[in-house]
C-alpha atoms as a PDB file:
ATOM      1  CA  MET A   1     172.152  54.733  88.474  1.00  0.00           C
ATOM      2  CA  THR A   2     173.386  58.288  88.088  1.00  0.00           C
ATOM      3  CA  PHE A   3     171.802  60.960  85.947  1.00  0.00           C
ATOM      4  CA  LEU A   4     173.485  64.210  84.938  1.00  0.00           C
ATOM      5  CA  PRO A   5     171.074  66.600  83.184  1.00  0.00           C
ATOM      6  CA  GLN A   6     172.308  68.600  80.202  1.00  0.00           C
ATOM      7  CA  LYS A   7     170.538  71.756  81.395  1.00  0.00           C
ATOM      8  CA  ALA A   8     169.406  72.736  84.842  1.00  0.00           C
ATOM      9  CA  SER A   9     165.638  72.441  85.088  1.00  0.00           C
ATOM     10  CA  ALA A  10     163.096  72.049  87.847  1.00  0.00           C
ATOM     11  CA  ASN A  11     160.973  69.750  85.670  1.00  0.00           C
ATOM     12  CA  VAL A  12     163.134  66.763  84.813  1.00  0.00           C
ATOM     13  CA  GLN A  13     161.492  63.413  84.097  1.00  0.00           C
ATOM     14  CA  PHE A  14     163.242  60.159  84.865  1.00  0.00           C
ATOM     15  CA  ILE A  15     162.374  56.865  83.221  1.00  0.00           C
ATOM     16  CA  PHE A  16     163.869  53.740  84.777  1.00  0.00           C
ATOM     17  CA  LYS A  17     163.547  50.176  83.593  1.00  0.00           C
ATOM     18  CA  LEU A  18     163.212  47.740  86.489  1.00  0.00           C
ATOM     19  CA  PRO A  19     164.573  44.198  86.443  1.00  0.00           C
ATOM     20  CA  ASN A  20     162.043  41.628  85.255  1.00  0.00           C
ATOM     21  CA  ASN A  21     159.767  40.233  87.924  1.00  0.00           C
ATOM     22  CA  SER A  22     160.305  43.082  90.411  1.00  0.00           C
ATOM     23  CA  ARG A  23     158.340  45.914  91.966  1.00  0.00           C
ATOM     24  CA  LEU A  24     159.612  49.350  92.967  1.00  0.00           C
ATOM     25  CA  LEU A  25     159.173  50.050  96.673  1.00  0.00           C
ATOM     26  CA  GLY A  26     160.794  53.484  96.637  1.00  0.00           C
ATOM     27  CA  ALA A  27     163.282  55.792  94.941  1.00  0.00           C
ATOM     28  CA  TYR A  28     165.368  58.129  97.015  1.00  0.00           C
ATOM     29  CA  PRO A  29     167.229  61.081  95.422  1.00  0.00           C
ATOM     30  CA  LEU A  30     170.646  61.905  96.837  1.00  0.00           C
ATOM     31  CA  PHE A  31     171.853  65.366  95.866  1.00  0.00           C
ATOM     32  CA  THR A  32     175.519  66.332  95.647  1.00  0.00           C
ATOM     33  CA  LYS A  33     177.163  69.403  94.155  1.00  0.00           C
ATOM     34  CA  ASP A  34     177.198  68.119  90.573  1.00  0.00           C
ATOM     35  CA  PHE A  35     175.072  64.969  90.492  1.00  0.00           C
ATOM     36  CA  ILE A  36     171.682  63.604  91.396  1.00  0.00           C
ATOM     37  CA  THR A  37     171.923  59.929  92.303  1.00  0.00           C
ATOM     38  CA  PHE A  38     168.881  57.753  92.841  1.00  0.00           C
ATOM     39  CA  LYS A  39     168.878  54.777  95.179  1.00  0.00           C
ATOM     40  CA  PHE A  40     166.224  52.191  94.454  1.00  0.00           C
ATOM     41  CA  GLN A  41     164.550  49.757  96.763  1.00  0.00           C
ATOM     42  CA  ILE A  42     163.243  46.861  94.712  1.00  0.00           C
ATOM     43  CA  MET A  43     161.190  43.868  95.796  1.00  0.00           C
ATOM     44  CA  LYS A  44     161.444  40.770  93.640  1.00  0.00           C
ATOM     45  CA  LYS A  45     158.070  39.175  93.072  1.00  0.00           C
ATOM     46  CA  LYS A  46     157.664  35.640  94.318  1.00  0.00           C
ATOM     47  CA  ASN A  47     157.114  32.723  91.971  1.00  0.00           C
ATOM     48  CA  VAL A  48     154.043  30.544  92.534  1.00  0.00           C
ATOM     49  CA  HIS A  49     154.509  26.770  92.825  1.00  0.00           C
ATOM     50  CA  VAL A  50     152.031  23.911  92.487  1.00  0.00           C
ATOM     51  CA  VAL A  51     153.372  21.068  94.652  1.00  0.00           C
ATOM     52  CA  PRO A  52     152.059  17.713  95.875  1.00  0.00           C
ATOM     53  CA  LYS A  53     150.828  17.656  99.477  1.00  0.00           C
ATOM     54  CA  GLY A  54     149.915  14.118 100.510  1.00  0.00           C
ATOM     55  CA  ASP A  55     147.048  13.035  98.249  1.00  0.00           C
ATOM     56  CA  ASN A  56     146.222  16.677  97.433  1.00  0.00           C
ATOM     57  CA  TRP A  57     147.930  19.573  95.636  1.00  0.00           C
ATOM     58  CA  ALA A  58     149.090  22.832  97.209  1.00  0.00           C
ATOM     59  CA  VAL A  59     149.637  26.316  95.779  1.00  0.00           C
ATOM     60  CA  LYS A  60     152.597  28.008  97.487  1.00  0.00           C
ATOM     61  CA  SER A  61     154.512  31.234  96.981  1.00  0.00           C
ATOM     62  CA  ALA A  62     158.295  30.870  96.869  1.00  0.00           C
ATOM     63  CA  GLY A  63     159.775  31.030 100.353  1.00  0.00           C
ATOM     64  CA  SER A  64     156.469  30.587 102.203  1.00  0.00           C
ATOM     65  CA  THR A  65     155.914  27.741 104.615  1.00  0.00           C
ATOM     66  CA  ARG A  66     152.109  27.616 104.427  1.00  0.00           C
ATOM     67  CA  PRO A  67     150.222  26.995 101.182  1.00  0.00           C
ATOM     68  CA  ALA A  68     147.889  29.667  99.827  1.00  0.00           C
ATOM     69  CA  LYS A  69     145.432  26.935  98.780  1.00  0.00           C
ATOM     70  CA  VAL A  70     145.146  23.146  98.994  1.00  0.00           C
ATOM     71  CA  THR A  71     142.997  21.417  96.364  1.00  0.00           C
ATOM     72  CA  GLY A  72     141.955  17.872  95.556  1.00  0.00           C
ATOM     73  CA  THR A  73     143.236  17.933  91.972  1.00  0.00           C
ATOM     74  CA  GLN A  74     146.289  19.308  90.246  1.00  0.00           C
ATOM     75  CA  LYS A  75     144.103  21.078  87.666  1.00  0.00           C
ATOM     76  CA  GLU A  76     142.338  23.095  90.384  1.00  0.00           C
ATOM     77  CA  ALA A  77     145.704  24.005  91.904  1.00  0.00           C
ATOM     78  CA  ILE A  78     147.093  25.071  88.511  1.00  0.00           C
ATOM     79  CA  ASP A  79     144.042  27.263  87.846  1.00  0.00           C
ATOM     80  CA  ARG A  80     144.457  29.025  91.212  1.00  0.00           C
ATOM     81  CA  ALA A  81     148.246  29.352  90.797  1.00  0.00           C
ATOM     82  CA  ARG A  82     147.772  30.844  87.311  1.00  0.00           C
ATOM     83  CA  GLU A  83     145.367  33.429  88.737  1.00  0.00           C
ATOM     84  CA  ILE A  84     147.843  34.405  91.492  1.00  0.00           C
ATOM     85  CA  ALA A  85     150.811  34.538  89.091  1.00  0.00           C
ATOM     86  CA  LYS A  86     148.888  36.751  86.646  1.00  0.00           C
ATOM     87  CA  ASN A  87     147.953  39.155  89.443  1.00  0.00           C
ATOM     88  CA  ASN A  88     151.583  39.324  90.607  1.00  0.00           C
ATOM     89  CA  ASN A  89     153.168  39.331  87.127  1.00  0.00           C
ATOM     90  CA  SER A  90     155.317  36.412  88.272  1.00  0.00           C
ATOM     91  CA  GLU A  91     156.099  32.851  87.215  1.00  0.00           C
ATOM     92  CA  MET A  92     154.085  29.706  87.843  1.00  0.00           C
ATOM     93  CA  LEU A  93     155.970  26.432  88.297  1.00  0.00           C
ATOM     94  CA  VAL A  94     154.118  23.102  88.310  1.00  0.00           C
ATOM     95  CA  HIS A  95     155.846  20.201  90.056  1.00  0.00           C
ATOM     96  CA  GLY A  96     155.029  16.538  89.456  1.00  0.00           C
ATOM     97  CA  ARG A  97     154.470  13.913  92.172  1.00  0.00           C
ATOM     98  CA  ASN A  98     158.238  13.250  92.087  1.00  0.00           C
ATOM     99  CA  GLY A  99     158.919  16.920  92.978  1.00  0.00           C
ATOM    100  CA  ARG A 100     160.548  17.800  89.651  1.00  0.00           C
ATOM    101  CA  ILE A 101     159.357  20.874  87.729  1.00  0.00           C
ATOM    102  CA  ARG A 102     157.334  19.720  84.737  1.00  0.00           C
ATOM    103  CA  GLN A 103     155.840  23.015  83.556  1.00  0.00           C
ATOM    104  CA  LYS A 104     156.831  26.679  83.786  1.00  0.00           C
ATOM    105  CA  ASN A 105     154.779  29.720  82.719  1.00  0.00           C
ATOM    106  CA  SER A 106     155.746  33.382  82.934  1.00  0.00           C
ATOM    107  CA  PHE A 107     153.048  36.009  83.431  1.00  0.00           C
ATOM    108  CA  GLY A 108     155.325  39.041  83.805  1.00  0.00           C
ATOM    109  CA  ASN A 109     157.200  41.191  81.334  1.00  0.00           C
ATOM    110  CA  ASP A 110     159.134  38.513  79.494  1.00  0.00           C
ATOM    111  CA  PRO A 111     162.435  39.932  78.159  1.00  0.00           C
ATOM    112  CA  HIS A 112     162.570  37.139  75.534  1.00  0.00           C
ATOM    113  CA  PRO A 113     159.000  36.546  74.307  1.00  0.00           C
ATOM    114  CA  PRO A 114     158.478  33.688  71.829  1.00  0.00           C
ATOM    115  CA  GLU A 115     158.327  34.570  68.151  1.00  0.00           C
ATOM    116  CA  GLY A 116     155.220  33.940  66.140  1.00  0.00           C
END
């Protein structure tokens, strides 16, 4: 993203919209003769999954090998996953015993919120 101010000023404010489900790690200005260019380092937030684990249910973040929590019932796992997803502004995906996604909830800034 490149920004070219209309007038030279020491007090210029920049407002950037980040991609949904991401967090800004840093912004680095690069100055040239005529332009100020900003490089962004963005970290995508991880979705939270409720998956079967033997006779129990596990709450896992996307890409992790170890579960954050293992519970006896799917309801307990969903409650914990919802709490984590809300804190991270991410998505919660609930899988059935067959491994297929049966429910999906977004707790971030939804670009297409439902009407009503």
